[in-house]
Amino acid sequence: MKSLLTEPLGLYGWASLEPVLLAALASEDPLLLVGPHGCAKSFVLERLAESLGLEFRSYNASLLNYDDLVGIPMPDESRASLRYVSTPESIWDAQVVFVDEINRTRPDLQNKLFPIVHDRRVQGRTLERLRYRWAAMNPPPDEDADDAPAGAAGADYLGAEPLDPALADRFPFVAAVPDWEALSEDERRAVLADQFRGRHEFPVPVGALVAEAKAAFERAKSELAPALEPYVLELVPQLRAAGFDVSTRRATMLHRGALAVHAARVALARRAGAEAPDLYASALLALRCGLPDRARRPVPDVRVAALCRQAWDLSQAARGGAEWTVMREPDPRRRLEAAVPRQAELSAERLASLVCDGVAAAPAPRRRALALAAYLALRARADLPASAMETLATEIAPAMEPGESETAVTMSKAGIAREVESRRAAVDARFAAPTAFELRHHHANLLRSFLPGGYRSHGEVRELSDEFVRLWKKFALPC
């Protein structure tokens, strides 16, 4: 879709965030941008405010004093209380408040920002003119990562801290913005060339675009809100189980945010002459840009996308049915294990998705045990899409192809090889019936497929053996 809000300003790589920016404008909900220095976070927000003709106040949180917000305190005529003398930079007449480097705010001042961001109030007084509350911050430090080199996108910032959870939860939109590393080569070239082109203007009247998005948002609240409720009801427990911070307030924000983002995408598509947007894609974008965790730690987008898809599929499935029951399992491996015994009740497309996700999520060498057992249980499904069969075939090939090899090994590797044969013999003795021939055969091939160097310890051999036998029984294969 043609960019209407970011590329015209010389911001390349931002196009996917345009619906979020427009959604924040249409809903008038607080917006927090997270990204390294030099990503134009302040620039884009200031230009949007300018284009709308709004009174803009910008504050740097690392330098901010409370007097900068409310003015100079002076005794009133009775000298019984204080009144505040406004300055040109005080907040009272602002229509837009932008707090840069908000995660560098002193703790005592953070508490005073809560009512401004959430309620548009300061010292108990409503800020009648204030419409937009925006903020920006550098990425929080990644406590699990090694120290990044100086200048790297992942480097920690001196004095920057994870944003207070209560303050982060006041922002319905928390969006990560792209840095140089996220840009394609063409986008990087465009950035370099654009610096010589002078001031840019928007190709459409931003006020009119916001008005269209507002109208679409009002329609969405009445027409689409009920349809999104089952999705949010499924999403919240999935997010919590995955360790994300989802308060009751956040649940309502995710619902409202999905509607606002969809309305913004409708308005942008209409202006660009593009097709009407898909509601699921809007929900996914709103979720990616609606988690307060992003203000406190790195958030894996792949994991967020998987949780969104799971919640969406659950909301579309018949409650209590096989698909609904299977999909409620949060772990992709366990979902696949639950699906195989109920494969007759599931569509081929659903099974294929479960196979690909489940095998990908399993750690080696157990991944091969899961893939082999699933293949043997599902091989009669002639309707299973090629993507699923290819996933299984790629993983189990070493355990299915005949071959002989001789390799010189160390004493420790020789001990592991003896452990493999010991476990093979134990299973052969335990399942000696003729009906268990396939189990014995595939079990032996699976264990040997990791020789000579695929095991790290004797214990890993035993775990793999036990795992395959467990899966064989769970999938009701002959033994």
Protein backbone atom coordinates (compact mmCIF):
# COMPACT_ATOMS: atom_id res chain seq x y z
CA MET A 1 0.00 0.00 0.00
CA LYS A 2 1.24 3.51 -0.81
CA SER A 3 2.77 5.32 2.18
CA LEU A 4 0.87 8.48 3.14
CA LEU A 5 2.37 9.50 6.49
CA THR A 6 5.99 8.39 6.74
CA GLU A 7 7.79 7.94 3.40
CA PRO A 8 6.58 11.39 2.28
CA LEU A 9 8.57 12.74 5.24
CA GLY A 10 11.65 10.78 4.24
CA LEU A 11 11.05 8.05 6.83
CA TYR A 12 11.70 4.73 5.13
CA GLY A 13 10.85 1.40 6.75
CA TRP A 14 8.04 2.98 8.78
CA ALA A 15 5.15 2.15 6.44
CA SER A 16 3.89 -0.78 8.53
CA LEU A 17 3.51 1.59 11.51
CA GLU A 18 1.31 4.10 9.69
CA PRO A 19 -1.96 2.43 10.82
CA VAL A 20 -0.74 2.61 14.43
CA LEU A 21 0.15 6.31 14.16
CA LEU A 22 -3.21 7.04 12.55
CA ALA A 23 -5.05 4.86 15.09
CA ALA A 24 -3.49 6.88 17.92
CA LEU A 25 -4.62 10.09 16.21
CA ALA A 26 -8.14 8.83 15.57
CA SER A 27 -8.71 7.32 19.02
CA GLU A 28 -6.73 10.01 20.88
CA ASP A 29 -5.19 7.24 22.99
CA PRO A 30 -1.63 7.65 24.36
CA LEU A 31 1.22 6.50 22.14
CA LEU A 32 4.75 5.42 23.14
CA LEU A 33 7.46 4.92 20.52
CA VAL A 34 10.44 2.70 21.42
CA GLY A 35 13.64 2.81 19.39
CA PRO A 36 17.35 3.71 19.35
CA HIS A 37 18.47 7.31 19.12
CA GLY A 38 18.39 8.90 15.67
CA CYS A 39 15.31 6.99 14.45
CA ALA A 40 13.19 10.17 14.00
CA LYS A 41 10.74 9.36 16.79
CA SER A 42 10.44 12.99 17.85
CA PHE A 43 10.46 14.27 14.28
CA VAL A 44 7.45 12.30 13.05
CA LEU A 45 5.31 13.20 16.07
CA GLU A 46 6.18 16.90 15.84
CA ARG A 47 5.34 16.98 12.11
CA LEU A 48 1.99 15.25 12.71
CA ALA A 49 1.08 17.79 15.39
CA GLU A 50 2.16 20.63 13.09
CA SER A 51 0.08 19.30 10.21
CA LEU A 52 -2.99 19.25 12.47
CA GLY A 53 -2.36 22.79 13.70
CA LEU A 54 -2.11 21.72 17.33
CA GLU A 55 -0.38 23.48 20.22
CA PHE A 56 2.62 21.21 20.83
CA ARG A 57 4.63 20.90 24.05
CA SER A 58 7.82 18.84 24.08
CA TYR A 59 9.64 17.87 27.27
CA ASN A 60 12.87 15.93 27.78
CA ALA A 61 12.21 13.67 30.75
CA SER A 62 15.87 13.47 31.76
CA LEU A 63 15.90 17.25 32.32
CA LEU A 64 12.27 17.77 33.34
CA ASN A 65 11.21 19.48 36.57
CA TYR A 66 7.62 19.66 37.72
CA ASP A 67 7.69 23.46 37.43
CA ASP A 68 8.37 23.00 33.71
CA LEU A 69 4.96 21.37 33.42
CA VAL A 70 2.75 23.47 35.67
CA GLY A 71 4.57 26.80 35.81
CA ILE A 72 6.08 28.81 38.63
CA PRO A 73 4.42 28.36 42.06
CA MET A 74 3.43 31.64 43.71
CA PRO A 75 1.38 32.40 46.88
CA ASP A 76 -2.14 33.56 46.09
CA GLU A 77 -3.58 36.82 47.40
CA SER A 78 -4.60 35.24 50.68
CA ARG A 79 -1.20 33.56 51.03
CA ALA A 80 -3.11 30.46 52.18
CA SER A 81 -2.37 28.44 49.06
CA LEU A 82 -0.30 28.41 45.88
CA ARG A 83 -1.24 29.32 42.35
CA TYR A 84 0.89 28.58 39.28
CA VAL A 85 2.05 31.26 36.91
CA SER A 86 2.11 29.79 33.43
CA THR A 87 5.13 30.01 31.19
CA PRO A 88 5.20 29.55 27.41
CA GLU A 89 6.27 25.94 27.99
CA SER A 90 3.76 24.96 30.69
CA ILE A 91 1.16 22.32 30.02
CA TRP A 92 -2.11 24.18 30.66
CA ASP A 93 -2.90 25.25 27.07
CA ALA A 94 -1.24 22.32 25.30
CA GLN A 95 -3.16 20.20 22.83
CA VAL A 96 -0.28 17.74 22.39
CA VAL A 97 2.19 16.75 25.10
CA PHE A 98 5.30 14.84 24.04
CA VAL A 99 7.66 13.42 26.68
CA ASP A 100 10.96 12.30 25.19
CA GLU A 101 13.21 9.76 26.96
CA ILE A 102 10.34 8.98 29.32
CA ASN A 103 12.22 6.05 30.85
CA ARG A 104 14.79 8.51 32.24
CA THR A 105 12.15 10.30 34.34
CA ARG A 106 12.89 10.57 38.06
CA PRO A 107 10.67 8.21 40.12
CA ASP A 108 8.94 11.06 41.95
CA LEU A 109 8.06 12.74 38.65
CA GLN A 110 6.85 9.51 37.05
CA ASN A 111 4.02 9.42 39.57
CA LYS A 112 2.95 12.89 38.45
CA LEU A 113 2.91 11.82 34.80
CA PHE A 114 0.36 9.04 35.45
CA PRO A 115 -2.73 11.27 35.58
CA ILE A 116 -1.52 13.36 32.62
CA VAL A 117 -1.09 10.33 30.38
CA HIS A 118 -4.12 8.38 31.55
CA ASP A 119 -6.69 10.97 32.63
CA ARG A 120 -5.51 14.27 31.07
CA ARG A 121 -5.38 15.73 34.55
CA VAL A 122 -2.72 17.54 36.57
CA GLN A 123 -3.05 18.43 40.26
CA GLY A 124 -6.64 17.25 40.09
CA ARG A 125 -7.53 19.68 37.30
CA THR A 126 -8.65 18.49 33.88
CA LEU A 127 -6.52 19.71 30.99
CA GLU A 128 -9.44 20.81 28.84
CA ARG A 129 -7.48 21.39 25.63
CA LEU A 130 -5.19 18.36 25.84
CA ARG A 131 -5.96 15.75 23.17
CA TYR A 132 -2.80 13.76 22.56
CA ARG A 133 -0.25 12.32 24.99
CA TRP A 134 2.81 10.97 23.23
CA ALA A 135 6.15 9.73 24.49
CA ALA A 136 9.36 8.14 23.26
CA MET A 137 12.16 6.11 24.79
CA ASN A 138 15.29 4.19 23.90
CA PRO A 139 15.06 0.39 24.06
CA PRO A 140 15.25 -1.01 27.59
CA PRO A 141 18.39 -2.98 28.46
CA ASP A 142 18.31 -6.67 27.65
CA GLU A 143 19.38 -8.37 30.87
CA ASP A 144 19.69 -11.75 29.16
CA ALA A 145 21.92 -10.59 26.31
CA ASP A 146 25.68 -10.19 26.26
CA ASP A 147 27.05 -6.66 26.20
CA ALA A 148 26.52 -5.15 22.76
CA PRO A 149 29.35 -3.28 21.07
CA ALA A 150 29.33 0.50 21.19
CA GLY A 151 26.98 1.99 18.64
CA ALA A 152 25.02 -1.22 18.11
CA ALA A 153 21.26 -1.07 17.97
CA GLY A 154 21.07 -3.37 20.95
CA ALA A 155 23.51 -1.40 23.12
CA ASP A 156 22.34 -0.28 26.55
CA TYR A 157 21.80 3.45 27.17
CA LEU A 158 23.41 5.07 30.20
CA GLY A 159 20.66 6.12 32.61
CA ALA A 160 17.88 4.41 30.65
CA GLU A 161 15.80 1.98 32.67
CA PRO A 162 12.85 -0.27 31.89
CA LEU A 163 9.73 1.87 32.15
CA ASP A 164 7.73 1.53 35.35
CA PRO A 165 5.04 -1.14 34.74
CA ALA A 166 2.21 1.07 35.97
CA LEU A 167 3.28 3.93 33.69
CA ALA A 168 3.82 1.62 30.71
CA ASP A 169 0.30 0.28 31.23
CA ARG A 170 -1.08 3.77 30.63
CA PHE A 171 -0.05 3.61 26.96
CA PRO A 172 -2.45 1.62 24.76
CA PHE A 173 0.03 1.84 21.88
CA VAL A 174 3.67 0.84 22.52
CA ALA A 175 5.34 0.58 19.12
CA ALA A 176 8.91 -0.35 18.21
CA VAL A 177 10.27 1.83 15.41
CA PRO A 178 12.81 0.64 12.82
CA ASP A 179 16.47 1.52 13.00
CA TRP A 180 19.17 1.25 10.33
CA GLU A 181 19.58 -2.51 10.84
CA ALA A 182 15.90 -3.10 10.10
CA LEU A 183 15.97 -1.30 6.74
CA SER A 184 16.45 -2.99 3.40
CA GLU A 185 19.32 -1.87 1.18
CA ASP A 186 16.92 0.11 -1.03
CA GLU A 187 15.50 1.85 2.04
CA ARG A 188 19.00 2.70 3.28
CA ARG A 189 19.86 4.21 -0.09
CA ALA A 190 16.63 6.21 -0.02
CA VAL A 191 17.49 7.55 3.44
CA LEU A 192 20.91 8.72 2.24
CA ALA A 193 19.51 10.38 -0.87
CA ASP A 194 16.61 12.01 0.94
CA GLN A 195 18.77 14.21 3.16
CA PHE A 196 19.35 16.64 0.26
CA ARG A 197 15.71 17.10 -0.74
CA GLY A 198 14.68 19.75 1.76
CA ARG A 199 11.41 19.93 3.63
CA HIS A 200 8.75 17.37 2.75
CA GLU A 201 4.99 17.73 2.86
CA PHE A 202 2.23 15.20 3.33
CA PRO A 203 0.52 14.14 0.06
CA VAL A 204 -2.91 14.22 1.73
CA PRO A 205 -4.50 16.57 4.28
CA VAL A 206 -3.69 14.83 7.55
CA GLY A 207 -6.71 16.37 9.28
CA ALA A 208 -9.07 14.90 6.68
CA LEU A 209 -7.37 11.50 6.96
CA VAL A 210 -7.75 11.56 10.75
CA ALA A 211 -11.42 12.50 10.38
CA GLU A 212 -11.97 9.53 8.05
CA ALA A 213 -10.23 7.21 10.50
CA LYS A 214 -12.33 8.60 13.37
CA ALA A 215 -15.53 7.89 11.44
CA ALA A 216 -14.34 4.36 10.63
CA PHE A 217 -13.43 3.85 14.30
CA GLU A 218 -16.93 4.82 15.42
CA ARG A 219 -18.42 2.35 12.94
CA ALA A 220 -16.01 -0.37 14.07
CA LYS A 221 -16.98 0.09 17.71
CA SER A 222 -20.58 -0.75 16.89
CA GLU A 223 -20.14 -3.20 14.01
CA LEU A 224 -16.94 -5.13 14.80
CA ALA A 225 -16.45 -4.90 18.57
CA PRO A 226 -18.66 -7.92 19.38
CA ALA A 227 -16.87 -10.03 16.75
CA LEU A 228 -13.50 -9.29 18.37
CA GLU A 229 -14.59 -10.11 21.91
CA PRO A 230 -14.04 -13.92 21.59
CA TYR A 231 -10.55 -13.26 20.22
CA VAL A 232 -9.59 -11.05 23.18
CA LEU A 233 -11.10 -13.52 25.66
CA GLU A 234 -8.86 -16.24 24.21
CA LEU A 235 -5.84 -13.97 23.80
CA VAL A 236 -5.49 -12.69 27.36
CA PRO A 237 -4.94 -16.07 29.07
CA GLN A 238 -2.54 -17.09 26.28
CA LEU A 239 -0.50 -13.92 26.82
CA ARG A 240 -0.44 -14.37 30.57
CA ALA A 241 0.63 -17.99 30.26
CA ALA A 242 3.48 -16.82 28.02
CA GLY A 243 4.68 -14.35 30.67
CA PHE A 244 3.30 -11.10 29.25
CA ASP A 245 1.93 -8.40 31.54
CA VAL A 246 -1.80 -8.14 30.77
CA SER A 247 -3.92 -6.24 33.26
CA THR A 248 -7.68 -5.85 33.00
CA ARG A 249 -6.98 -2.36 31.66
CA ARG A 250 -4.66 -3.83 29.03
CA ALA A 251 -7.31 -6.34 27.94
CA THR A 252 -9.69 -3.50 27.14
CA MET A 253 -6.88 -1.61 25.42
CA LEU A 254 -6.08 -4.58 23.18
CA HIS A 255 -9.74 -4.79 22.17
CA ARG A 256 -10.03 -1.06 21.51
CA GLY A 257 -6.60 -0.95 19.85
CA ALA A 258 -7.52 -3.66 17.34
CA LEU A 259 -10.63 -1.70 16.36
CA ALA A 260 -8.68 1.57 16.06
CA VAL A 261 -5.90 0.01 13.97
CA HIS A 262 -8.45 -1.64 11.68
CA ALA A 263 -10.26 1.67 11.26
CA ALA A 264 -6.97 3.37 10.40
CA ARG A 265 -6.15 0.67 7.85
CA VAL A 266 -9.61 1.14 6.29
CA ALA A 267 -9.00 4.89 5.96
CA LEU A 268 -5.49 4.44 4.55
CA ALA A 269 -6.65 1.78 2.08
CA ARG A 270 -9.46 4.00 0.84
CA ARG A 271 -7.08 6.92 0.29
CA ALA A 272 -4.54 4.69 -1.46
CA GLY A 273 -7.15 2.93 -3.61
CA ALA A 274 -6.22 -0.44 -2.11
CA GLU A 275 -8.36 -3.43 -1.13
CA ALA A 276 -10.22 -3.47 2.17
CA PRO A 277 -7.94 -4.72 4.97
CA ASP A 278 -8.21 -8.07 6.72
CA LEU A 279 -9.42 -7.93 10.34
CA TYR A 280 -6.94 -10.56 11.55
CA ALA A 281 -3.99 -8.59 10.15
CA SER A 282 -5.29 -5.53 12.02
CA ALA A 283 -5.55 -7.52 15.26
CA LEU A 284 -1.98 -8.82 14.82
CA LEU A 285 -0.55 -5.34 14.18
CA ALA A 286 -2.46 -3.94 17.18
CA LEU A 287 -1.08 -6.72 19.39
CA ARG A 288 2.49 -6.18 18.23
CA CYS A 289 2.13 -2.49 19.05
CA GLY A 290 -0.01 -2.91 22.15
CA LEU A 291 2.11 -4.77 24.71
CA PRO A 292 3.54 -2.72 27.60
CA ASP A 293 6.31 -5.32 27.98
CA ARG A 294 8.06 -3.69 25.02
CA ALA A 295 8.86 -0.72 27.29
CA ARG A 296 10.67 -3.02 29.73
CA ARG A 297 12.31 -5.81 27.74
CA PRO A 298 12.82 -7.10 24.19
CA VAL A 299 9.66 -8.72 22.83
CA PRO A 300 10.02 -11.57 20.28
CA ASP A 301 7.66 -10.74 17.42
CA VAL A 302 7.56 -14.36 16.25
CA ARG A 303 6.19 -15.43 19.62
CA VAL A 304 3.63 -12.62 19.61
CA ALA A 305 2.46 -13.64 16.12
CA ALA A 306 2.09 -17.27 17.22
CA LEU A 307 0.00 -16.27 20.24
CA CYS A 308 -2.18 -14.01 18.10
CA ARG A 309 -2.82 -16.78 15.57
CA GLN A 310 -3.60 -19.27 18.31
CA ALA A 311 -6.09 -16.94 19.98
CA TRP A 312 -7.68 -16.06 16.65
CA ASP A 313 -8.07 -19.70 15.64
CA LEU A 314 -9.53 -20.54 19.05
CA SER A 315 -12.05 -17.72 18.74
CA GLN A 316 -13.18 -19.10 15.37
CA ALA A 317 -13.46 -22.74 16.50
CA ALA A 318 -16.56 -24.32 17.99
CA ARG A 319 -16.21 -24.09 21.76
CA GLY A 320 -15.66 -27.53 23.28
CA GLY A 321 -14.86 -29.19 19.94
CA ALA A 322 -11.67 -31.05 19.07
CA GLU A 323 -10.01 -28.07 17.41
CA TRP A 324 -10.85 -25.74 20.30
CA THR A 325 -9.62 -28.28 22.87
CA VAL A 326 -6.35 -28.91 21.04
CA MET A 327 -5.63 -25.25 20.35
CA ARG A 328 -6.05 -24.25 23.99
CA GLU A 329 -2.79 -26.02 24.80
CA PRO A 330 -0.22 -23.16 24.93
CA ASP A 331 2.85 -25.25 24.04
CA PRO A 332 3.15 -26.03 20.29
CA ARG A 333 4.69 -29.47 20.97
CA ARG A 334 1.89 -30.44 23.34
CA ARG A 335 -0.66 -29.16 20.83
CA LEU A 336 0.71 -31.54 18.23
CA GLU A 337 0.71 -34.40 20.72
CA ALA A 338 -2.94 -33.65 21.56
CA ALA A 339 -3.89 -33.35 17.89
CA VAL A 340 -2.50 -36.63 16.53
CA PRO A 341 -4.84 -38.95 18.50
CA ARG A 342 -7.79 -36.75 17.38
CA GLN A 343 -6.68 -36.33 13.79
CA ALA A 344 -9.96 -37.64 12.39
CA GLU A 345 -11.75 -34.66 13.96
CA LEU A 346 -9.34 -32.07 12.54
CA SER A 347 -9.02 -30.63 9.07
CA ALA A 348 -5.92 -31.36 7.01
CA GLU A 349 -5.02 -27.66 7.02
CA ARG A 350 -5.23 -27.45 10.80
CA LEU A 351 -3.13 -30.62 11.19
CA ALA A 352 -0.50 -29.23 8.83
CA SER A 353 -0.23 -26.04 10.86
CA LEU A 354 0.08 -28.01 14.09
CA VAL A 355 2.76 -30.27 12.60
CA CYS A 356 4.90 -27.40 11.36
CA ASP A 357 4.61 -25.40 14.59
CA GLY A 358 5.04 -28.39 16.90
CA VAL A 359 8.11 -29.83 15.19
CA ALA A 360 9.75 -26.40 14.93
CA ALA A 361 9.26 -25.78 18.65
CA ALA A 362 10.72 -29.11 19.82
CA PRO A 363 14.39 -29.16 20.93
CA ALA A 364 16.87 -31.54 19.32
CA PRO A 365 17.15 -34.50 19.48
CA ARG A 366 13.55 -34.87 20.73
CA ARG A 367 12.40 -33.03 17.63
CA ARG A 368 13.21 -36.10 15.55
CA ALA A 369 11.36 -38.41 17.94
CA LEU A 370 8.26 -36.21 17.72
CA ALA A 371 8.49 -35.92 13.95
CA LEU A 372 8.99 -39.67 13.47
CA ALA A 373 6.11 -40.67 15.73
CA ALA A 374 3.85 -38.05 14.12
CA TYR A 375 4.78 -39.20 10.62
CA LEU A 376 3.99 -42.83 11.44
CA ALA A 377 0.63 -41.83 12.92
CA LEU A 378 -0.32 -39.43 10.10
CA ARG A 379 1.12 -41.12 7.02
CA ALA A 380 -2.29 -42.50 6.02
CA ARG A 381 -3.70 -38.96 5.74
CA ALA A 382 -3.52 -38.56 1.98
CA ASP A 383 -4.99 -35.05 2.27
CA LEU A 384 -2.23 -33.70 4.50
CA PRO A 385 -0.65 -30.69 2.72
CA ALA A 386 2.84 -31.02 1.31
CA SER A 387 4.19 -28.43 3.76
CA ALA A 388 3.54 -30.75 6.69
CA MET A 389 4.95 -33.84 5.00
CA GLU A 390 8.03 -31.92 3.91
CA THR A 391 8.59 -30.71 7.49
CA LEU A 392 8.37 -34.27 8.79
CA ALA A 393 10.44 -35.80 5.99
CA THR A 394 13.27 -33.30 6.42
CA GLU A 395 13.56 -34.04 10.12
CA ILE A 396 13.25 -37.85 10.01
CA ALA A 397 15.36 -38.53 6.91
CA PRO A 398 18.44 -39.67 8.89
CA ALA A 399 16.28 -42.24 10.71
CA MET A 400 14.60 -43.55 7.56
CA GLU A 401 17.43 -43.89 5.06
CA PRO A 402 19.37 -47.19 5.04
CA GLY A 403 23.13 -46.99 5.28
CA GLU A 404 26.28 -48.21 6.92
CA SER A 405 29.24 -46.26 8.16
CA GLU A 406 32.43 -46.70 10.14
CA THR A 407 33.81 -43.80 12.13
CA ALA A 408 36.72 -43.59 14.55
CA VAL A 409 35.43 -42.29 17.87
CA THR A 410 36.84 -41.34 21.24
CA MET A 411 36.32 -43.49 24.33
CA SER A 412 33.48 -41.24 25.51
CA LYS A 413 31.68 -41.53 22.16
CA ALA A 414 32.18 -45.27 22.20
CA GLY A 415 30.46 -45.34 25.58
CA ILE A 416 27.50 -43.46 24.13
CA ALA A 417 27.34 -45.93 21.23
CA ARG A 418 27.17 -48.79 23.76
CA GLU A 419 24.39 -46.93 25.59
CA VAL A 420 22.45 -46.74 22.32
CA GLU A 421 22.70 -50.49 21.85
CA SER A 422 21.79 -51.09 25.47
CA ARG A 423 18.63 -49.00 25.16
CA ARG A 424 17.76 -50.66 21.86
CA ALA A 425 18.08 -54.11 23.43
CA ALA A 426 15.99 -53.08 26.43
CA VAL A 427 13.13 -51.90 24.24
CA ASP A 428 13.39 -54.98 22.03
CA ALA A 429 13.02 -57.18 25.11
CA ARG A 430 10.16 -55.09 26.52
CA PHE A 431 8.18 -55.12 23.26
CA ALA A 432 8.95 -58.57 21.90
CA ALA A 433 5.52 -59.29 20.40
CA PRO A 434 5.37 -59.60 16.58
CA THR A 435 2.92 -56.67 16.50
CA ALA A 436 5.64 -54.44 17.97
CA PHE A 437 8.06 -54.99 15.09
CA GLU A 438 7.62 -51.43 13.79
CA LEU A 439 8.25 -49.96 17.22
CA ARG A 440 11.48 -51.94 17.65
CA HIS A 441 12.63 -51.13 14.11
CA HIS A 442 11.98 -47.38 14.23
CA HIS A 443 13.24 -47.05 17.79
CA ALA A 444 16.59 -48.59 16.82
CA ASN A 445 16.91 -46.44 13.70
CA LEU A 446 16.05 -43.28 15.65
CA LEU A 447 18.68 -43.88 18.32
CA ARG A 448 21.37 -44.80 15.78
CA SER A 449 20.60 -41.79 13.56
CA PHE A 450 22.44 -39.49 15.98
CA LEU A 451 25.65 -41.53 15.99
CA PRO A 452 28.50 -40.90 16.17
CA GLY A 453 28.46 -37.30 17.35
CA GLY A 454 24.84 -36.28 17.87
CA TYR A 455 24.60 -37.01 21.60
CA ARG A 456 26.07 -34.92 24.37
CA SER A 457 25.66 -37.52 27.12
CA HIS A 458 24.42 -40.99 28.05
CA GLY A 459 21.40 -39.36 29.64
CA GLU A 460 20.34 -37.84 26.33
CA VAL A 461 20.20 -41.33 24.81
CA ARG A 462 17.93 -42.55 27.58
CA GLU A 463 15.69 -39.47 27.33
CA LEU A 464 15.30 -39.89 23.57
CA SER A 465 14.46 -43.58 23.95
CA ASP A 466 11.84 -42.92 26.65
CA GLU A 467 10.37 -40.02 24.68
CA PHE A 468 9.87 -42.08 21.53
CA VAL A 469 8.22 -44.95 23.43
CA ARG A 470 5.96 -42.46 25.22
CA LEU A 471 4.89 -40.86 21.95
CA TRP A 472 4.36 -44.27 20.33
CA LYS A 473 1.89 -45.19 23.07
CA LYS A 474 0.23 -41.77 23.12
CA PHE A 475 -0.39 -41.95 19.37
CA ALA A 476 -1.80 -45.50 19.79
CA LEU A 477 0.63 -47.07 17.33
CA PRO A 478 0.81 -50.93 17.33
CA CYS A 479 2.93 -52.53 20.04
